């Protein structure tokens, strides 16, 4: 979406959800005890979000958000088990 183009309420809410998920994933990566792995995972998250940043289809974005939330829960579970 171009910067000068106004977003609909749906688009705004989806964008907010994506940003929140991104922040949660990066914060979770920083809780990985092994700093090398933490850095690698954070770089993977950044690259994955960057790769998908051009997607504009709302259904596809919702699907990616759902997949991202599942991945976040798995990562959080793995970190909790590893401690």
C-alpha atoms as a PDB file:
ATOM      1  CA  UNK A   1       0.000   0.000   0.000  1.00  0.00           C
ATOM      2  CA  UNK A   2       1.367   3.388  -0.952  1.00  0.00           C
ATOM      3  CA  UNK A   3       2.034   5.845   1.859  1.00  0.00           C
ATOM      4  CA  UNK A   4      -0.262   8.554   0.496  1.00  0.00           C
ATOM      5  CA  UNK A   5      -3.208   6.209   0.016  1.00  0.00           C
ATOM      6  CA  UNK A   6      -5.766   6.297   2.844  1.00  0.00           C
ATOM      7  CA  UNK A   7      -6.355   2.969   4.608  1.00  0.00           C
ATOM      8  CA  UNK A   8      -9.760   1.562   5.349  1.00  0.00           C
ATOM      9  CA  UNK A   9     -10.577   0.713   8.950  1.00  0.00           C
ATOM     10  CA  UNK A  10     -10.101  -3.002   8.164  1.00  0.00           C
ATOM     11  CA  UNK A  11      -6.690  -2.354   6.634  1.00  0.00           C
ATOM     12  CA  UNK A  12      -5.690  -0.183   9.575  1.00  0.00           C
ATOM     13  CA  UNK A  13      -6.728  -2.882  12.061  1.00  0.00           C
ATOM     14  CA  UNK A  14      -4.889  -5.593  10.111  1.00  0.00           C
ATOM     15  CA  UNK A  15      -1.771  -3.412   9.933  1.00  0.00           C
ATOM     16  CA  UNK A  16      -1.933  -2.827  13.684  1.00  0.00           C
ATOM     17  CA  UNK A  17      -2.270  -6.576  14.267  1.00  0.00           C
ATOM     18  CA  UNK A  18       0.738  -7.296  12.028  1.00  0.00           C
ATOM     19  CA  UNK A  19       2.868  -4.708  13.842  1.00  0.00           C
ATOM     20  CA  UNK A  20       1.853  -6.100  17.240  1.00  0.00           C
ATOM     21  CA  UNK A  21       2.671  -9.661  16.135  1.00  0.00           C
ATOM     22  CA  UNK A  22       6.044  -8.517  14.766  1.00  0.00           C
ATOM     23  CA  UNK A  23       6.966  -6.810  18.039  1.00  0.00           C
ATOM     24  CA  UNK A  24       5.893  -9.843  20.086  1.00  0.00           C
ATOM     25  CA  UNK A  25       7.939 -12.177  17.893  1.00  0.00           C
ATOM     26  CA  UNK A  26      11.073 -10.015  18.106  1.00  0.00           C
ATOM     27  CA  UNK A  27      10.694  -9.674  21.902  1.00  0.00           C
ATOM     28  CA  UNK A  28      10.240 -13.431  22.205  1.00  0.00           C
ATOM     29  CA  UNK A  29      13.360 -14.040  20.120  1.00  0.00           C
ATOM     30  CA  UNK A  30      15.341 -11.878  22.546  1.00  0.00           C
ATOM     31  CA  UNK A  31      14.275 -14.224  25.372  1.00  0.00           C
ATOM     32  CA  UNK A  32      16.041 -17.179  23.745  1.00  0.00           C
ATOM     33  CA  UNK A  33      18.884 -18.048  26.135  1.00  0.00           C
ATOM     34  CA  UNK A  34      21.501 -18.673  23.420  1.00  0.00           C
ATOM     35  CA  UNK A  35      22.289 -15.211  22.039  1.00  0.00           C
ATOM     36  CA  UNK A  36      23.501 -16.533  18.686  1.00  0.00           C
ATOM     37  CA  UNK A  37      20.232 -18.416  18.180  1.00  0.00           C
ATOM     38  CA  UNK A  38      18.255 -15.394  19.397  1.00  0.00           C
ATOM     39  CA  UNK A  39      19.945 -13.172  16.811  1.00  0.00           C
ATOM     40  CA  UNK A  40      19.427 -15.723  14.043  1.00  0.00           C
ATOM     41  CA  UNK A  41      15.730 -16.121  14.888  1.00  0.00           C
ATOM     42  CA  UNK A  42      15.168 -12.348  15.044  1.00  0.00           C
ATOM     43  CA  UNK A  43      16.823 -11.977  11.623  1.00  0.00           C
ATOM     44  CA  UNK A  44      14.577 -14.735  10.256  1.00  0.00           C
ATOM     45  CA  UNK A  45      11.481 -12.967  11.644  1.00  0.00           C
ATOM     46  CA  UNK A  46      12.558  -9.648  10.100  1.00  0.00           C
ATOM     47  CA  UNK A  47      13.240 -11.276   6.723  1.00  0.00           C
ATOM     48  CA  UNK A  48       9.918 -13.130   6.755  1.00  0.00           C
ATOM     49  CA  UNK A  49       7.909 -10.004   7.578  1.00  0.00           C
ATOM     50  CA  UNK A  50       9.858  -8.024   4.969  1.00  0.00           C
ATOM     51  CA  UNK A  51       9.181 -10.743   2.358  1.00  0.00           C
ATOM     52  CA  UNK A  52       5.449 -10.571   3.048  1.00  0.00           C
ATOM     53  CA  UNK A  53       5.241  -6.763   3.321  1.00  0.00           C
ATOM     54  CA  UNK A  54       3.957  -6.355  -0.231  1.00  0.00           C
ATOM     55  CA  UNK A  55       0.912  -8.595   0.275  1.00  0.00           C
ATOM     56  CA  UNK A  56      -2.306  -6.573   0.110  1.00  0.00           C
ATOM     57  CA  UNK A  57      -4.978  -9.285  -0.035  1.00  0.00           C
ATOM     58  CA  UNK A  58      -6.809  -9.139   3.312  1.00  0.00           C
ATOM     59  CA  UNK A  59      -7.568 -12.884   3.384  1.00  0.00           C
ATOM     60  CA  UNK A  60      -3.905 -13.696   2.750  1.00  0.00           C
ATOM     61  CA  UNK A  61      -2.830 -11.266   5.474  1.00  0.00           C
ATOM     62  CA  UNK A  62      -5.272 -12.834   7.949  1.00  0.00           C
ATOM     63  CA  UNK A  63      -3.908 -16.283   7.076  1.00  0.00           C
ATOM     64  CA  UNK A  64      -0.334 -15.096   7.616  1.00  0.00           C
ATOM     65  CA  UNK A  65      -1.293 -13.503  10.950  1.00  0.00           C
ATOM     66  CA  UNK A  66      -2.872 -16.776  12.056  1.00  0.00           C
ATOM     67  CA  UNK A  67       0.207 -18.742  11.022  1.00  0.00           C
ATOM     68  CA  UNK A  68       2.436 -16.195  12.756  1.00  0.00           C
ATOM     69  CA  UNK A  69       0.476 -16.445  16.003  1.00  0.00           C
ATOM     70  CA  UNK A  70       0.786 -20.241  15.937  1.00  0.00           C
ATOM     71  CA  UNK A  71       4.537 -19.941  15.348  1.00  0.00           C
ATOM     72  CA  UNK A  72       4.813 -17.427  18.196  1.00  0.00           C
ATOM     73  CA  UNK A  73       3.030 -19.778  20.612  1.00  0.00           C
ATOM     74  CA  UNK A  74       5.313 -22.663  19.603  1.00  0.00           C
ATOM     75  CA  UNK A  75       8.396 -20.496  20.098  1.00  0.00           C
ATOM     76  CA  UNK A  76       7.176 -19.278  23.491  1.00  0.00           C
ATOM     77  CA  UNK A  77       6.446 -22.873  24.541  1.00  0.00           C
ATOM     78  CA  UNK A  78       9.877 -24.055  23.417  1.00  0.00           C
ATOM     79  CA  UNK A  79      11.588 -21.240  25.307  1.00  0.00           C
ATOM     80  CA  UNK A  80       9.587 -22.044  28.474  1.00  0.00           C
ATOM     81  CA  UNK A  81      10.450 -25.759  28.210  1.00  0.00           C
ATOM     82  CA  UNK A  82      14.129 -24.964  27.639  1.00  0.00           C
ATOM     83  CA  UNK A  83      14.475 -22.967  30.838  1.00  0.00           C
END
